[in-house]
């Protein structure tokens, strides 16, 4: 079984910081892209940040300069440092990992259950 466990969410005041982590466990052949998505009630889920196996990254315009995504391949873990948080950053943050579980298998997307981030004004 492949499992994704997210942690680091919570309640912070505007201008504060949080660091999210997502650890992948189970049978893993290879991990390709890893990323974070977020969704607020009544709003569409959006990509926040992504990082590829080679280390290249991309960010939503709304978080550029404030959020930083990184990964530790040895630990099969992806992180997201979030600084200068704003109320509009509030939402459930989901970890997504594109991986293959065995040689010859298609690479598939695996999702975590989400961690809630709430930023007060």
C-alpha atoms as a PDB file:
ATOM      1  CA  UNK A   1       0.000   0.000   0.000  1.00  0.00           C
ATOM      2  CA  UNK A   2       1.148   3.510  -0.844  1.00  0.00           C
ATOM      3  CA  UNK A   3       0.385   6.173   1.740  1.00  0.00           C
ATOM      4  CA  UNK A   4       0.812   9.940   1.759  1.00  0.00           C
ATOM      5  CA  UNK A   5       0.781  11.598   5.180  1.00  0.00           C
ATOM      6  CA  UNK A   6       0.556  15.394   5.368  1.00  0.00           C
ATOM      7  CA  UNK A   7       1.333  17.502   8.406  1.00  0.00           C
ATOM      8  CA  UNK A   8       2.069  21.081   9.424  1.00  0.00           C
ATOM      9  CA  UNK A   9      -1.279  22.791   8.961  1.00  0.00           C
ATOM     10  CA  UNK A  10      -2.816  24.991  11.617  1.00  0.00           C
ATOM     11  CA  UNK A  11      -4.089  28.430  12.584  1.00  0.00           C
ATOM     12  CA  UNK A  12      -1.792  31.420  12.172  1.00  0.00           C
ATOM     13  CA  UNK A  13      -2.102  35.187  12.125  1.00  0.00           C
ATOM     14  CA  UNK A  14      -1.581  37.157   8.922  1.00  0.00           C
ATOM     15  CA  UNK A  15       2.129  37.587   8.317  1.00  0.00           C
ATOM     16  CA  UNK A  16       3.004  34.336  10.057  1.00  0.00           C
ATOM     17  CA  UNK A  17       4.622  31.191   8.703  1.00  0.00           C
ATOM     18  CA  UNK A  18       3.959  27.476   8.442  1.00  0.00           C
ATOM     19  CA  UNK A  19       5.822  24.536   6.961  1.00  0.00           C
ATOM     20  CA  UNK A  20       3.914  21.658   5.419  1.00  0.00           C
ATOM     21  CA  UNK A  21       5.361  18.212   4.871  1.00  0.00           C
ATOM     22  CA  UNK A  22       4.178  15.164   2.964  1.00  0.00           C
ATOM     23  CA  UNK A  23       5.853  11.810   3.529  1.00  0.00           C
ATOM     24  CA  UNK A  24       5.341   8.951   1.088  1.00  0.00           C
ATOM     25  CA  UNK A  25       5.590   5.366   2.292  1.00  0.00           C
ATOM     26  CA  UNK A  26       5.036   1.947   0.773  1.00  0.00           C
ATOM     27  CA  UNK A  27       6.324   0.294  -2.358  1.00  0.00           C
ATOM     28  CA  UNK A  28       7.897   2.997  -4.492  1.00  0.00           C
ATOM     29  CA  UNK A  29       9.763   2.377  -7.702  1.00  0.00           C
ATOM     30  CA  UNK A  30      10.228   5.990  -8.699  1.00  0.00           C
ATOM     31  CA  UNK A  31       8.786   9.388  -7.868  1.00  0.00           C
ATOM     32  CA  UNK A  32       8.415  11.972 -10.581  1.00  0.00           C
ATOM     33  CA  UNK A  33       6.683  15.278  -9.849  1.00  0.00           C
ATOM     34  CA  UNK A  34       5.471  16.261  -6.371  1.00  0.00           C
ATOM     35  CA  UNK A  35       3.278  19.199  -5.520  1.00  0.00           C
ATOM     36  CA  UNK A  36       0.802  21.000  -3.316  1.00  0.00           C
ATOM     37  CA  UNK A  37      -2.757  22.002  -4.177  1.00  0.00           C
ATOM     38  CA  UNK A  38      -5.263  23.945  -2.113  1.00  0.00           C
ATOM     39  CA  UNK A  39      -9.015  24.351  -2.036  1.00  0.00           C
ATOM     40  CA  UNK A  40     -11.272  26.714  -0.120  1.00  0.00           C
ATOM     41  CA  UNK A  41     -15.030  26.138   0.344  1.00  0.00           C
ATOM     42  CA  UNK A  42     -16.904  27.101  -2.800  1.00  0.00           C
ATOM     43  CA  UNK A  43     -13.707  27.577  -4.783  1.00  0.00           C
ATOM     44  CA  UNK A  44     -11.896  25.512  -7.378  1.00  0.00           C
ATOM     45  CA  UNK A  45      -8.882  23.479  -6.347  1.00  0.00           C
ATOM     46  CA  UNK A  46      -5.711  25.096  -7.605  1.00  0.00           C
ATOM     47  CA  UNK A  47      -2.066  24.217  -7.972  1.00  0.00           C
ATOM     48  CA  UNK A  48       0.057  26.063  -5.438  1.00  0.00           C
ATOM     49  CA  UNK A  49       3.519  24.699  -6.178  1.00  0.00           C
ATOM     50  CA  UNK A  50       5.173  21.762  -7.897  1.00  0.00           C
ATOM     51  CA  UNK A  51       8.658  20.327  -8.094  1.00  0.00           C
ATOM     52  CA  UNK A  52       9.992  17.860 -10.636  1.00  0.00           C
ATOM     53  CA  UNK A  53      12.550  15.105 -10.136  1.00  0.00           C
ATOM     54  CA  UNK A  54      15.266  17.330 -11.591  1.00  0.00           C
ATOM     55  CA  UNK A  55      14.491  20.083  -9.098  1.00  0.00           C
ATOM     56  CA  UNK A  56      12.702  22.568 -11.342  1.00  0.00           C
ATOM     57  CA  UNK A  57       9.729  24.308  -9.727  1.00  0.00           C
ATOM     58  CA  UNK A  58       6.679  26.347 -10.585  1.00  0.00           C
ATOM     59  CA  UNK A  59       4.345  28.398  -8.403  1.00  0.00           C
ATOM     60  CA  UNK A  60       0.968  30.033  -8.568  1.00  0.00           C
ATOM     61  CA  UNK A  61       1.322  33.772  -9.121  1.00  0.00           C
ATOM     62  CA  UNK A  62      -0.404  34.478  -5.815  1.00  0.00           C
ATOM     63  CA  UNK A  63       2.327  32.737  -3.777  1.00  0.00           C
ATOM     64  CA  UNK A  64       5.492  33.606  -5.680  1.00  0.00           C
ATOM     65  CA  UNK A  65       8.101  35.090  -3.393  1.00  0.00           C
ATOM     66  CA  UNK A  66       6.325  33.803  -0.279  1.00  0.00           C
ATOM     67  CA  UNK A  67       6.173  30.009  -0.649  1.00  0.00           C
ATOM     68  CA  UNK A  68       9.037  27.611  -1.303  1.00  0.00           C
ATOM     69  CA  UNK A  69       8.648  23.969  -2.291  1.00  0.00           C
ATOM     70  CA  UNK A  70      11.444  21.450  -1.782  1.00  0.00           C
ATOM     71  CA  UNK A  71      11.935  17.699  -1.695  1.00  0.00           C
ATOM     72  CA  UNK A  72      14.136  15.121  -0.021  1.00  0.00           C
ATOM     73  CA  UNK A  73      14.370  12.171  -2.373  1.00  0.00           C
ATOM     74  CA  UNK A  74      16.114   9.954   0.173  1.00  0.00           C
ATOM     75  CA  UNK A  75      13.167  10.395   2.544  1.00  0.00           C
ATOM     76  CA  UNK A  76      10.493  10.473  -0.179  1.00  0.00           C
ATOM     77  CA  UNK A  77       9.181  13.692   1.330  1.00  0.00           C
ATOM     78  CA  UNK A  78       8.052  17.013  -0.118  1.00  0.00           C
ATOM     79  CA  UNK A  79       7.924  20.236   1.891  1.00  0.00           C
ATOM     80  CA  UNK A  80       6.348  23.636   1.485  1.00  0.00           C
ATOM     81  CA  UNK A  81       7.584  26.615   3.482  1.00  0.00           C
ATOM     82  CA  UNK A  82       4.910  29.316   3.623  1.00  0.00           C
ATOM     83  CA  UNK A  83       5.889  32.807   4.748  1.00  0.00           C
ATOM     84  CA  UNK A  84       4.032  36.119   4.940  1.00  0.00           C
ATOM     85  CA  UNK A  85       0.727  34.283   5.020  1.00  0.00           C
ATOM     86  CA  UNK A  86      -2.435  36.119   4.002  1.00  0.00           C
ATOM     87  CA  UNK A  87      -6.101  35.374   4.793  1.00  0.00           C
ATOM     88  CA  UNK A  88      -6.633  34.370   1.164  1.00  0.00           C
ATOM     89  CA  UNK A  89      -4.144  31.527   1.688  1.00  0.00           C
ATOM     90  CA  UNK A  90      -6.733  29.804   3.880  1.00  0.00           C
ATOM     91  CA  UNK A  91      -7.828  26.393   2.642  1.00  0.00           C
ATOM     92  CA  UNK A  92      -7.195  22.675   2.699  1.00  0.00           C
ATOM     93  CA  UNK A  93      -3.794  21.852   1.273  1.00  0.00           C
ATOM     94  CA  UNK A  94      -3.383  18.542  -0.529  1.00  0.00           C
ATOM     95  CA  UNK A  95      -0.183  16.749  -1.398  1.00  0.00           C
ATOM     96  CA  UNK A  96      -0.012  15.074  -4.802  1.00  0.00           C
ATOM     97  CA  UNK A  97       2.721  12.713  -5.938  1.00  0.00           C
ATOM     98  CA  UNK A  98       3.217  11.334  -9.428  1.00  0.00           C
ATOM     99  CA  UNK A  99       4.913   7.949  -9.042  1.00  0.00           C
ATOM    100  CA  UNK A 100       5.368   4.443 -10.360  1.00  0.00           C
ATOM    101  CA  UNK A 101       5.164   1.515  -7.934  1.00  0.00           C
ATOM    102  CA  UNK A 102       6.989  -1.022 -10.115  1.00  0.00           C
ATOM    103  CA  UNK A 103       8.994  -1.286 -13.301  1.00  0.00           C
ATOM    104  CA  UNK A 104       6.755  -1.353 -16.357  1.00  0.00           C
ATOM    105  CA  UNK A 105       3.793   0.219 -14.527  1.00  0.00           C
ATOM    106  CA  UNK A 106       2.176   3.490 -15.515  1.00  0.00           C
ATOM    107  CA  UNK A 107       3.011   6.490 -13.391  1.00  0.00           C
ATOM    108  CA  UNK A 108      -0.073   7.504 -11.408  1.00  0.00           C
ATOM    109  CA  UNK A 109      -1.172  10.388  -9.218  1.00  0.00           C
ATOM    110  CA  UNK A 110      -1.510   9.725  -5.499  1.00  0.00           C
ATOM    111  CA  UNK A 111      -3.249  12.185  -3.190  1.00  0.00           C
ATOM    112  CA  UNK A 112      -3.044  12.848   0.511  1.00  0.00           C
ATOM    113  CA  UNK A 113      -6.123  13.506   2.627  1.00  0.00           C
ATOM    114  CA  UNK A 114      -5.257  17.170   3.146  1.00  0.00           C
ATOM    115  CA  UNK A 115      -4.222  19.449   5.986  1.00  0.00           C
ATOM    116  CA  UNK A 116      -6.114  22.617   6.941  1.00  0.00           C
ATOM    117  CA  UNK A 117      -4.407  26.001   6.919  1.00  0.00           C
ATOM    118  CA  UNK A 118      -6.292  28.937   8.426  1.00  0.00           C
ATOM    119  CA  UNK A 119      -4.905  32.473   8.335  1.00  0.00           C
ATOM    120  CA  UNK A 120      -6.654  35.095  10.460  1.00  0.00           C
ATOM    121  CA  UNK A 121      -6.682  38.787   9.583  1.00  0.00           C
END
